[in-house]
N, C-alpha and C. Protein backbone atom coordinates (compact mmCIF):
# COMPACT_ATOMS: atom_id res chain seq x y z
N UNK A 1 30.83 30.09 -14.79
CA UNK A 1 29.34 30.75 -14.76
C UNK A 1 28.57 29.99 -16.03
N UNK A 2 29.10 30.13 -17.00
CA UNK A 2 28.32 29.44 -18.17
C UNK A 2 28.38 27.67 -18.05
N UNK A 3 29.39 27.14 -17.25
CA UNK A 3 29.11 25.74 -16.91
C UNK A 3 28.15 25.52 -16.04
N UNK A 4 28.06 26.36 -14.99
CA UNK A 4 26.91 26.23 -14.11
C UNK A 4 25.58 26.52 -14.50
N UNK A 5 25.42 27.31 -15.41
CA UNK A 5 24.14 27.71 -16.09
C UNK A 5 23.82 26.34 -16.79
N UNK A 6 24.89 25.83 -17.72
CA UNK A 6 24.52 24.50 -18.49
C UNK A 6 24.01 23.30 -17.59
N UNK A 7 24.88 23.05 -16.40
CA UNK A 7 24.60 21.98 -15.82
C UNK A 7 23.20 22.31 -14.95
N UNK A 8 22.85 23.54 -14.46
CA UNK A 8 21.44 23.58 -14.00
C UNK A 8 20.46 23.50 -15.12
N UNK A 9 20.61 23.95 -16.48
CA UNK A 9 19.53 23.46 -17.42
C UNK A 9 19.44 22.09 -17.85
N UNK A 10 20.47 21.31 -17.62
CA UNK A 10 20.60 20.03 -17.90
C UNK A 10 19.79 19.20 -16.84
N UNK A 11 20.03 19.66 -15.77
CA UNK A 11 19.28 19.13 -14.42
C UNK A 11 17.97 19.22 -14.38
N UNK A 12 17.41 20.72 -14.67
CA UNK A 12 16.11 20.85 -14.96
C UNK A 12 15.55 20.16 -15.90
N UNK A 13 16.15 20.10 -16.92
CA UNK A 13 15.46 19.00 -18.17
C UNK A 13 15.33 17.75 -17.82
N UNK A 14 16.18 17.21 -17.11
CA UNK A 14 16.21 15.73 -16.60
C UNK A 14 15.00 15.52 -15.39
N UNK A 15 14.83 16.33 -14.75
CA UNK A 15 13.71 16.52 -13.79
C UNK A 15 12.50 16.55 -14.30
N UNK A 16 12.45 17.42 -15.33
CA UNK A 16 11.07 17.55 -16.26
C UNK A 16 10.74 16.60 -17.11
N UNK A 17 11.87 15.88 -17.48
CA UNK A 17 11.42 14.54 -18.22
C UNK A 17 11.03 13.32 -17.21
N UNK A 18 11.62 13.53 -16.03
CA UNK A 18 11.40 12.29 -14.88
C UNK A 18 10.14 12.62 -14.38
N UNK A 19 9.53 13.72 -14.29
CA UNK A 19 8.28 13.92 -13.61
C UNK A 19 7.07 12.89 -14.13
N UNK A 20 6.96 12.46 -15.42
CA UNK A 20 5.81 11.32 -15.59
C UNK A 20 6.37 10.12 -15.13
N UNK A 21 7.35 9.74 -14.90
CA UNK A 21 7.76 8.36 -14.36
C UNK A 21 7.36 8.30 -12.98
N UNK A 22 7.48 9.18 -12.34
CA UNK A 22 6.98 9.30 -10.78
C UNK A 22 5.54 9.88 -10.25
N UNK A 23 4.71 9.69 -11.24
CA UNK A 23 3.34 10.11 -11.36
C UNK A 23 2.43 9.57 -10.03
N UNK A 24 2.99 8.43 -9.52
CA UNK A 24 2.32 7.80 -8.41
C UNK A 24 2.61 8.83 -7.00
N UNK A 25 1.23 8.93 -6.40
CA UNK A 25 1.25 9.50 -4.91
C UNK A 25 0.66 8.97 -4.09
N UNK A 26 1.21 9.07 -2.72
CA UNK A 26 0.72 8.56 -1.65
C UNK A 26 0.21 9.82 -0.62
N UNK A 27 -1.17 9.29 -0.20
CA UNK A 27 -1.46 10.46 0.40
C UNK A 27 -1.37 10.41 2.12
N UNK A 28 -2.21 10.87 3.09
CA UNK A 28 -1.73 10.85 4.18
C UNK A 28 -1.86 9.70 4.61
N UNK A 29 -1.19 9.46 6.19
CA UNK A 29 -1.06 8.22 6.83
C UNK A 29 -1.68 8.45 8.20
N UNK A 30 -2.10 6.97 8.83
CA UNK A 30 -2.52 7.07 10.01
C UNK A 30 -1.91 5.85 10.58
N UNK A 31 -1.31 5.93 11.86
CA UNK A 31 -0.90 4.54 12.45
C UNK A 31 -1.61 4.49 13.87
N UNK A 32 -2.23 3.26 14.41
CA UNK A 32 -2.72 3.16 15.68
C UNK A 32 -1.59 3.38 16.49
N UNK A 33 -1.78 3.55 17.84
CA UNK A 33 -0.84 3.42 18.88
C UNK A 33 -0.41 1.96 19.32
N UNK A 34 -1.06 0.81 18.76
CA UNK A 34 -0.80 -0.19 18.77
C UNK A 34 0.30 -0.61 17.49
N UNK A 35 0.44 0.10 16.68
CA UNK A 35 1.30 -0.42 15.50
C UNK A 35 2.59 -0.73 15.95
N UNK A 36 3.14 -2.16 15.23
CA UNK A 36 4.52 -2.17 15.82
C UNK A 36 5.09 -2.99 14.64
N UNK A 37 6.10 -2.24 13.99
CA UNK A 37 6.80 -3.03 12.77
C UNK A 37 7.24 -4.28 13.28
N UNK A 38 7.86 -4.66 14.21
CA UNK A 38 8.43 -5.63 14.68
C UNK A 38 7.24 -6.75 14.73
N UNK A 39 6.00 -6.55 15.25
CA UNK A 39 4.78 -7.19 15.02
C UNK A 39 4.43 -7.74 13.74
N UNK A 40 4.34 -6.92 12.75
CA UNK A 40 4.33 -7.11 11.38
C UNK A 40 5.44 -8.10 11.14
N UNK A 41 6.42 -7.83 11.22
CA UNK A 41 7.66 -8.88 10.67
C UNK A 41 7.55 -10.05 11.35
N UNK A 42 7.09 -10.32 12.53
CA UNK A 42 6.94 -11.61 13.25
C UNK A 42 5.69 -12.22 12.48
N UNK A 43 4.82 -11.56 12.22
CA UNK A 43 3.51 -12.17 11.73
C UNK A 43 3.72 -12.63 10.34
N UNK A 44 4.65 -11.93 9.46
CA UNK A 44 4.59 -12.17 8.06
C UNK A 44 5.78 -12.99 7.48
N UNK A 45 6.71 -12.84 8.11
CA UNK A 45 8.17 -13.09 7.57
C UNK A 45 8.15 -14.46 7.40
N UNK A 46 8.55 -14.96 6.21
CA UNK A 46 8.16 -16.45 5.49
C UNK A 46 6.96 -17.23 5.68
N UNK A 47 5.92 -16.46 5.80
CA UNK A 47 4.78 -16.80 5.72
C UNK A 47 3.69 -16.00 4.40
N UNK A 48 2.46 -16.80 4.46
CA UNK A 48 1.61 -16.24 3.51
C UNK A 48 0.82 -15.15 4.30
N UNK A 49 0.51 -13.97 3.41
CA UNK A 49 0.12 -12.85 3.96
C UNK A 49 -1.19 -12.64 3.34
N UNK A 50 -2.58 -12.32 3.89
CA UNK A 50 -3.53 -12.38 3.03
C UNK A 50 -3.78 -10.93 2.61
N UNK A 51 -4.34 -10.83 1.34
CA UNK A 51 -4.80 -9.50 0.96
C UNK A 51 -6.15 -9.70 0.38
N UNK A 52 -7.17 -8.50 0.66
CA UNK A 52 -8.59 -8.54 0.49
C UNK A 52 -8.66 -7.39 -0.50
N UNK A 53 -9.14 -7.66 -1.79
CA UNK A 53 -9.33 -6.78 -2.55
C UNK A 53 -10.88 -6.44 -2.81
N UNK A 54 -11.13 -5.19 -2.44
CA UNK A 54 -12.65 -4.46 -2.75
C UNK A 54 -12.57 -3.51 -3.78
N UNK A 55 -13.54 -3.71 -4.62
CA UNK A 55 -13.43 -2.92 -5.82
C UNK A 55 -12.71 -3.16 -6.90
N UNK A 56 -12.86 -2.81 -8.23
CA UNK A 56 -12.24 -3.13 -9.48
C UNK A 56 -11.77 -2.04 -9.83
N UNK A 57 -10.34 -1.40 -10.21
CA UNK A 57 -9.76 -0.24 -10.40
C UNK A 57 -10.12 -0.26 -12.27
N UNK A 58 -10.44 -1.61 -12.68
CA UNK A 58 -10.26 -1.57 -14.22
C UNK A 58 -11.79 -2.33 -14.49
N UNK A 59 -12.70 -1.52 -14.51
CA UNK A 59 -14.01 -2.06 -14.57
C UNK A 59 -14.27 -2.89 -15.94
N UNK A 60 -13.39 -2.59 -17.14
CA UNK A 60 -13.44 -2.95 -18.26
C UNK A 60 -12.95 -4.43 -18.24
N UNK A 61 -12.23 -5.02 -17.21
CA UNK A 61 -11.73 -6.37 -16.97
C UNK A 61 -12.55 -7.00 -16.14
N UNK A 62 -12.64 -8.41 -16.00
CA UNK A 62 -13.11 -9.16 -15.04
C UNK A 62 -12.38 -8.92 -13.75
N UNK A 63 -12.99 -8.85 -12.80
CA UNK A 63 -12.36 -8.63 -11.33
C UNK A 63 -11.29 -9.81 -11.16
N UNK A 64 -11.65 -11.00 -11.28
CA UNK A 64 -10.61 -12.12 -11.20
C UNK A 64 -9.19 -12.07 -11.87
N UNK A 65 -9.61 -11.66 -13.21
CA UNK A 65 -8.47 -11.26 -13.89
C UNK A 65 -7.62 -10.28 -13.49
N UNK A 66 -8.32 -9.09 -12.90
CA UNK A 66 -7.40 -8.34 -12.59
C UNK A 66 -6.58 -8.52 -11.13
N UNK A 67 -7.26 -9.44 -10.25
CA UNK A 67 -6.52 -9.66 -9.11
C UNK A 67 -5.60 -10.56 -9.57
N UNK A 68 -5.50 -11.38 -10.48
CA UNK A 68 -4.57 -12.40 -10.96
C UNK A 68 -3.29 -11.67 -11.45
N UNK A 69 -3.49 -10.56 -12.12
CA UNK A 69 -2.55 -9.62 -12.73
C UNK A 69 -1.84 -8.86 -11.83
N UNK A 70 -2.46 -8.58 -10.72
CA UNK A 70 -2.19 -7.29 -9.66
C UNK A 70 -0.95 -8.20 -8.55
N UNK A 71 -1.58 -9.41 -8.35
CA UNK A 71 -0.78 -10.26 -7.22
C UNK A 71 0.78 -10.46 -7.67
N UNK A 72 1.31 -10.62 -8.94
CA UNK A 72 2.67 -10.41 -9.06
C UNK A 72 3.33 -9.04 -8.89
N UNK A 73 2.47 -8.25 -9.25
CA UNK A 73 2.95 -6.54 -9.25
C UNK A 73 3.25 -6.53 -7.70
N UNK A 74 2.03 -6.87 -6.74
CA UNK A 74 2.31 -6.43 -5.33
C UNK A 74 3.65 -7.24 -4.85
N UNK A 75 3.66 -8.43 -5.38
CA UNK A 75 4.68 -9.44 -4.88
C UNK A 75 6.10 -8.78 -5.20
N UNK A 76 6.28 -8.07 -6.31
CA UNK A 76 7.51 -7.85 -6.68
C UNK A 76 7.78 -6.55 -5.96
N UNK A 77 6.78 -5.75 -5.66
CA UNK A 77 6.95 -4.52 -4.67
C UNK A 77 6.83 -4.88 -3.30
N UNK A 78 6.84 -5.70 -2.79
CA UNK A 78 6.50 -6.06 -1.59
C UNK A 78 7.44 -5.63 -0.25
N UNK A 79 6.89 -5.26 0.98
CA UNK A 79 7.35 -4.64 1.98
C UNK A 79 8.87 -5.78 2.53
N UNK A 80 9.75 -5.19 3.20
CA UNK A 80 10.87 -6.09 3.73
C UNK A 80 10.62 -7.61 3.85
N UNK A 81 9.70 -8.04 4.97
CA UNK A 81 9.80 -9.45 5.26
C UNK A 81 9.72 -10.28 4.03
N UNK A 82 10.11 -11.60 4.16
CA UNK A 82 9.98 -12.40 3.15
C UNK A 82 8.59 -13.13 3.18
N UNK A 83 7.70 -12.02 2.83
CA UNK A 83 6.16 -12.82 2.82
C UNK A 83 5.74 -13.00 1.41
N UNK A 84 4.91 -13.82 1.37
CA UNK A 84 4.11 -14.05 0.21
C UNK A 84 2.60 -13.55 0.25
N UNK A 85 2.24 -12.68 -0.70
CA UNK A 85 0.99 -12.32 -0.58
C UNK A 85 0.11 -13.49 -1.22
N UNK A 86 -1.33 -13.63 -0.65
CA UNK A 86 -2.24 -14.57 -1.17
C UNK A 86 -3.60 -13.87 -0.91
N UNK A 87 -4.65 -14.07 -1.96
CA UNK A 87 -6.00 -13.91 -1.75
C UNK A 87 -6.89 -15.03 -0.92
N UNK A 88 -6.10 -16.38 -0.53
CA UNK A 88 -6.60 -17.16 0.04
C UNK A 88 -6.89 -16.83 1.57
N UNK A 89 -8.11 -17.17 1.98
CA UNK A 89 -8.43 -17.21 3.37
C UNK A 89 -7.51 -18.28 4.54
N UNK A 90 -7.10 -18.14 5.45
CA UNK A 90 -6.46 -19.26 6.02
C UNK A 90 -7.52 -20.22 6.20
N UNK A 91 -6.93 -21.57 6.32
CA UNK A 91 -7.88 -22.69 6.31
C UNK A 91 -8.71 -22.72 7.47
N UNK A 92 -8.12 -22.23 8.56
CA UNK A 92 -8.88 -22.23 9.93
C UNK A 92 -8.65 -20.73 10.48
N UNK A 93 -9.46 -20.57 11.15
CA UNK A 93 -9.72 -19.06 11.81
C UNK A 93 -8.30 -19.03 12.52
N UNK A 94 -7.58 -17.85 12.42
CA UNK A 94 -6.43 -17.58 13.24
C UNK A 94 -6.47 -16.42 14.08
N UNK A 95 -6.33 -16.19 15.26
CA UNK A 95 -6.00 -15.21 16.08
C UNK A 95 -4.76 -14.64 16.54
N UNK A 96 -4.24 -13.55 16.28
CA UNK A 96 -4.77 -12.45 15.61
C UNK A 96 -4.64 -12.82 14.24
N UNK A 97 -5.75 -12.05 13.57
CA UNK A 97 -6.04 -12.21 12.01
C UNK A 97 -5.36 -10.81 11.54
N UNK A 98 -4.21 -11.20 10.68
CA UNK A 98 -3.30 -9.95 10.35
C UNK A 98 -3.88 -10.18 8.71
N UNK A 99 -4.04 -8.88 8.15
CA UNK A 99 -4.47 -9.07 6.72
C UNK A 99 -4.45 -7.43 6.19
N UNK A 100 -4.05 -7.68 4.89
CA UNK A 100 -3.87 -6.18 4.23
C UNK A 100 -5.49 -6.09 3.30
N UNK A 101 -5.94 -4.92 3.21
CA UNK A 101 -7.19 -4.63 2.48
C UNK A 101 -7.09 -3.75 1.64
N UNK A 102 -7.29 -3.69 0.53
CA UNK A 102 -7.14 -2.62 -0.40
C UNK A 102 -8.67 -2.43 -1.21
N UNK A 103 -8.83 -1.46 -0.88
CA UNK A 103 -10.05 -0.94 -1.55
C UNK A 103 -10.09 0.04 -2.73
N UNK A 104 -10.38 -0.24 -3.96
CA UNK A 104 -9.89 0.54 -5.10
C UNK A 104 -11.54 1.36 -4.94
N UNK A 105 -11.10 2.60 -5.31
CA UNK A 105 -12.42 3.65 -5.59
C UNK A 105 -13.08 3.74 -4.35
N UNK A 106 -12.74 3.79 -3.16
CA UNK A 106 -13.52 4.02 -1.89
C UNK A 106 -14.53 4.94 -1.73
N UNK A 107 -15.46 5.02 -1.19
CA UNK A 107 -16.29 6.02 -0.84
C UNK A 107 -15.64 7.04 -0.03
N UNK A 108 -16.01 8.56 -0.33
CA UNK A 108 -15.44 9.28 0.59
C UNK A 108 -15.37 9.41 1.95
N UNK A 109 -16.46 8.50 2.48
CA UNK A 109 -16.75 8.75 3.99
C UNK A 109 -16.44 7.23 4.61
N UNK A 110 -15.74 6.55 3.81
CA UNK A 110 -15.02 5.00 4.30
C UNK A 110 -14.03 5.20 5.18
N UNK A 111 -14.14 4.49 6.43
CA UNK A 111 -13.25 4.58 7.44
C UNK A 111 -12.60 3.27 7.58
N UNK A 112 -11.20 3.34 8.10
CA UNK A 112 -10.40 2.08 8.48
C UNK A 112 -11.10 1.14 9.34
N UNK A 113 -11.75 1.60 10.22
CA UNK A 113 -12.38 0.80 11.17
C UNK A 113 -13.54 0.08 10.54
N UNK A 114 -14.38 0.81 9.36
CA UNK A 114 -15.18 -0.03 8.75
C UNK A 114 -14.61 -1.02 7.71
N UNK A 115 -13.42 -0.96 7.43
CA UNK A 115 -12.67 -1.72 6.19
C UNK A 115 -12.24 -2.83 7.10
N UNK A 116 -11.80 -2.56 8.33
CA UNK A 116 -11.43 -3.91 8.90
C UNK A 116 -12.43 -4.78 9.52
N UNK A 117 -13.62 -4.29 9.88
CA UNK A 117 -14.90 -4.98 10.00
C UNK A 117 -15.53 -5.41 8.76
N UNK A 118 -15.12 -5.30 7.62
CA UNK A 118 -15.60 -5.89 6.46
C UNK A 118 -16.36 -5.31 5.87
N UNK A 119 -16.83 -3.93 5.85
CA UNK A 119 -17.66 -3.06 5.37
C UNK A 119 -16.94 -2.19 4.46
N UNK A 120 -17.11 -2.36 2.84
CA UNK A 120 -16.48 -1.80 1.88
C UNK A 120 -17.59 -0.88 1.10
N UNK A 121 -17.45 0.56 0.88
CA UNK A 121 -18.34 1.52 0.32
C UNK A 121 -17.60 1.93 -0.79
N UNK A 122 -17.93 1.60 -2.03
CA UNK A 122 -17.20 2.31 -3.26
C UNK A 122 -18.02 3.34 -3.98
N UNK A 123 -17.68 3.87 -4.83
CA UNK A 123 -17.77 4.94 -5.80
C UNK A 123 -17.48 4.44 -7.11
N UNK A 124 -17.99 5.08 -8.19
CA UNK A 124 -17.59 4.53 -9.50
C UNK A 124 -15.97 4.77 -9.74
N UNK A 125 -15.30 4.28 -10.37
CA UNK A 125 -13.90 4.26 -10.53
C UNK A 125 -13.94 5.28 -11.68
N UNK A 126 -12.74 6.16 -11.71
CA UNK A 126 -12.34 7.20 -12.86
C UNK A 126 -11.41 6.38 -13.75
N UNK A 127 -11.93 6.41 -14.84
CA UNK A 127 -11.31 5.57 -15.90
C UNK A 127 -9.83 6.32 -16.15
N UNK A 128 -8.68 5.50 -16.34
CA UNK A 128 -7.32 5.92 -16.60
C UNK A 128 -6.76 6.14 -15.41
N UNK A 129 -7.41 6.32 -14.01
CA UNK A 129 -6.78 6.39 -12.56
C UNK A 129 -7.11 5.27 -11.71
N UNK A 130 -6.04 4.91 -10.88
CA UNK A 130 -6.27 4.05 -9.74
C UNK A 130 -6.18 4.82 -8.65
N UNK A 131 -7.02 4.52 -8.01
CA UNK A 131 -6.94 5.33 -6.39
C UNK A 131 -7.24 4.11 -5.41
N UNK A 132 -6.59 3.83 -4.51
CA UNK A 132 -6.67 2.54 -3.54
C UNK A 132 -6.55 3.12 -2.09
N UNK A 133 -7.44 2.72 -1.14
CA UNK A 133 -7.29 2.75 0.05
C UNK A 133 -6.61 1.59 0.85
N UNK A 134 -5.67 1.42 1.39
CA UNK A 134 -5.00 0.54 1.98
C UNK A 134 -5.03 0.44 3.38
N UNK A 135 -5.49 -0.59 3.85
CA UNK A 135 -5.63 -0.69 5.46
C UNK A 135 -4.96 -2.15 6.09
N UNK A 136 -4.14 -2.01 6.97
CA UNK A 136 -3.38 -3.18 7.41
C UNK A 136 -4.18 -3.41 9.11
N UNK A 137 -4.85 -4.78 9.11
CA UNK A 137 -5.60 -4.81 9.79
C UNK A 137 -5.23 -6.06 10.73
N UNK A 138 -5.30 -5.93 12.03
CA UNK A 138 -5.25 -7.06 13.11
C UNK A 138 -6.50 -7.17 13.68
N UNK A 139 -7.16 -8.52 13.44
CA UNK A 139 -8.54 -8.64 13.83
C UNK A 139 -9.54 -7.53 13.33
N UNK A 140 -10.18 -6.78 14.32
CA UNK A 140 -11.19 -5.68 13.58
C UNK A 140 -10.19 -4.16 13.96
N UNK A 141 -9.14 -4.13 14.44
CA UNK A 141 -8.51 -3.11 14.47
C UNK A 141 -7.48 -2.67 13.39
N UNK A 142 -7.72 -1.55 12.93
CA UNK A 142 -6.80 -0.95 12.01
C UNK A 142 -5.72 -0.11 12.50
N UNK A 143 -4.35 -1.10 12.21
CA UNK A 143 -3.16 -0.71 12.67
C UNK A 143 -2.37 0.56 11.62
N UNK A 144 -2.76 0.53 10.46
CA UNK A 144 -2.19 1.63 9.53
C UNK A 144 -3.00 1.77 8.47
N UNK A 145 -2.98 3.00 7.91
CA UNK A 145 -3.78 3.28 6.69
C UNK A 145 -3.23 4.34 5.93
N UNK A 146 -3.35 4.20 4.61
CA UNK A 146 -3.11 5.41 3.75
C UNK A 146 -3.94 5.09 2.54
N UNK A 147 -3.67 6.08 1.43
CA UNK A 147 -4.35 6.08 0.27
C UNK A 147 -3.05 6.20 -0.89
N UNK A 148 -3.21 5.78 -2.04
CA UNK A 148 -2.35 6.10 -3.05
C UNK A 148 -3.21 5.94 -4.37
N UNK A 149 -2.58 6.59 -5.47
CA UNK A 149 -3.23 6.97 -6.79
C UNK A 149 -2.11 7.35 -7.96
N UNK A 150 -2.53 6.69 -8.93
CA UNK A 150 -1.52 6.96 -10.12
C UNK A 150 -2.62 6.90 -11.27
N UNK A 151 -2.01 7.10 -12.41
CA UNK A 151 -2.52 7.07 -13.70
C UNK A 151 -2.27 5.59 -14.19
N UNK A 152 -3.28 4.84 -14.70
CA UNK A 152 -2.83 3.62 -15.19
C UNK A 152 -4.15 3.02 -16.04
N UNK A 153 -3.82 2.39 -16.92
CA UNK A 153 -4.57 1.83 -18.05
C UNK A 153 -5.20 0.49 -17.81
N UNK A 154 -4.43 -0.41 -17.30
CA UNK A 154 -4.61 -1.64 -16.97
C UNK A 154 -3.87 -2.21 -16.09
N UNK A 155 -4.07 -3.58 -15.53
CA UNK A 155 -3.44 -4.38 -14.47
C UNK A 155 -1.90 -4.37 -14.88
N UNK A 156 -1.39 -4.18 -16.26
CA UNK A 156 -0.09 -4.46 -16.48
C UNK A 156 0.71 -3.23 -16.59
N UNK A 157 -0.05 -2.33 -16.36
CA UNK A 157 0.57 -0.80 -16.50
C UNK A 157 1.82 -0.81 -15.62
N UNK A 158 3.00 -0.35 -16.02
CA UNK A 158 4.49 -0.15 -15.41
C UNK A 158 4.13 0.68 -14.14
N UNK A 159 3.11 1.89 -14.15
CA UNK A 159 2.99 2.57 -13.20
C UNK A 159 2.57 2.07 -11.89
N UNK A 160 1.84 0.89 -11.97
CA UNK A 160 1.25 0.21 -10.76
C UNK A 160 2.30 0.08 -9.77
N UNK A 161 3.60 -0.66 -10.46
CA UNK A 161 4.62 -0.98 -9.41
C UNK A 161 4.92 -0.32 -8.47
N UNK A 162 5.35 1.21 -8.86
CA UNK A 162 5.91 2.11 -8.12
C UNK A 162 5.10 2.53 -7.03
N UNK A 163 3.54 2.54 -7.61
CA UNK A 163 2.66 2.98 -6.32
C UNK A 163 2.48 1.95 -5.47
N UNK A 164 2.43 0.81 -5.74
CA UNK A 164 2.43 -0.51 -4.52
C UNK A 164 3.85 -0.19 -3.71
N UNK A 165 4.90 -0.07 -4.42
CA UNK A 165 6.04 0.08 -3.48
C UNK A 165 5.91 1.15 -2.66
N UNK A 166 5.31 2.37 -2.87
CA UNK A 166 5.31 3.49 -2.00
C UNK A 166 4.19 3.29 -1.13
N UNK A 167 2.89 2.64 -1.56
CA UNK A 167 2.03 2.17 -0.68
C UNK A 167 2.47 1.22 0.47
N UNK A 168 3.28 0.47 0.22
CA UNK A 168 3.52 -0.64 1.20
C UNK A 168 4.85 0.27 2.06
N UNK A 169 5.67 0.84 1.55
CA UNK A 169 6.54 1.58 2.29
C UNK A 169 5.96 2.42 3.51
N UNK A 170 4.81 3.13 3.30
CA UNK A 170 4.08 3.84 4.26
C UNK A 170 3.10 3.17 5.13
N UNK A 171 2.56 2.07 4.60
CA UNK A 171 1.71 1.16 5.43
C UNK A 171 2.62 0.23 6.48
N UNK A 172 3.62 -0.16 5.96
CA UNK A 172 4.43 -0.84 6.86
C UNK A 172 5.64 -0.34 7.13
N UNK A 173 5.65 0.88 7.95
CA UNK A 173 6.66 1.80 8.13
C UNK A 173 7.59 1.01 9.43
N UNK A 174 8.68 0.82 9.09
CA UNK A 174 9.66 0.27 10.11
C UNK A 174 10.24 1.32 11.09
N UNK A 175 9.98 2.52 10.78
CA UNK A 175 10.27 3.70 11.80
C UNK A 175 9.47 3.58 13.06
N UNK A 176 8.35 2.87 12.94
CA UNK A 176 7.50 2.68 14.03
C UNK A 176 7.87 1.26 14.74
N UNK A 177 8.96 1.03 15.15
CA UNK A 177 9.59 -0.12 15.64
C UNK A 177 9.73 0.04 17.29
N UNK A 178 8.93 -0.63 18.14
CA UNK A 178 8.92 -0.14 19.32
C UNK A 178 10.00 -1.30 20.08
N UNK A 179 11.41 -0.82 20.06
CA UNK A 179 12.47 -1.59 20.81
C UNK A 179 12.57 -1.29 21.99
N UNK A 180 11.93 -0.42 22.77
CA UNK A 180 12.20 -0.18 24.26
C UNK A 180 10.70 -0.07 24.83
N UNK A 181 10.40 -0.59 26.02
CA UNK A 181 9.18 -0.34 26.57
C UNK A 181 9.13 0.81 27.31
N UNK A 182 10.03 1.56 27.26
CA UNK A 182 10.23 3.15 27.74
C UNK A 182 10.50 3.85 26.97
N UNK A 183 10.72 5.35 27.13
CA UNK A 183 11.18 6.37 26.35
C UNK A 183 12.80 6.27 26.37
N UNK A 184 13.42 6.13 25.11
CA UNK A 184 14.71 5.57 24.81
C UNK A 184 15.38 6.93 25.16
N UNK A 185 14.91 8.12 25.25
CA UNK A 185 15.65 9.18 25.44
C UNK A 185 16.37 9.30 26.83
N UNK A 186 15.67 8.57 27.74
CA UNK A 186 15.97 8.47 29.04
C UNK A 186 16.97 7.25 29.30
N UNK A 187 17.11 6.43 28.67
CA UNK A 187 18.06 5.19 28.68
C UNK A 187 19.33 5.61 28.58
N UNK A 188 20.04 4.64 29.47
CA UNK A 188 21.47 4.88 29.31
C UNK A 188 22.06 3.84 28.39
């Protein structure tokens, strides 16, 4: 009994110490019926994947410097396909136009449809806290959306990596992989 109590106390102490390390949070999510992970994989595997950034999570830094420092953090925590994040627009118009839009400090009434249409409404950022609204778009259709936030003091803060990893895991969820054109429960 004493050994069990000791193990329980050590486990609780470790969990209490680990709590600050996992301070990032992902909010609710929404997937359009058209969302299909295999489509995302086919569109991004071995290719450049455009990221559009709206808002500056660290207003004390110039936006271009923040973007330059966030790109390697996003790349290190990217989703499974062998994609390369870029801020560059495609040299010619592509259809369908797949992209990831990250809106930092979005307005409370901003919708994913507005984001995919190129409309970004922002509110003043909260110092020391990064809040991002992530939307995966195909043309003007929002295929998936979620929010994430964490405490961070600058673009090199180590808490941003796990936040992006969680954000990408939710935005590009491989459980939504349409393998069958019909309900698989009735397949033989």
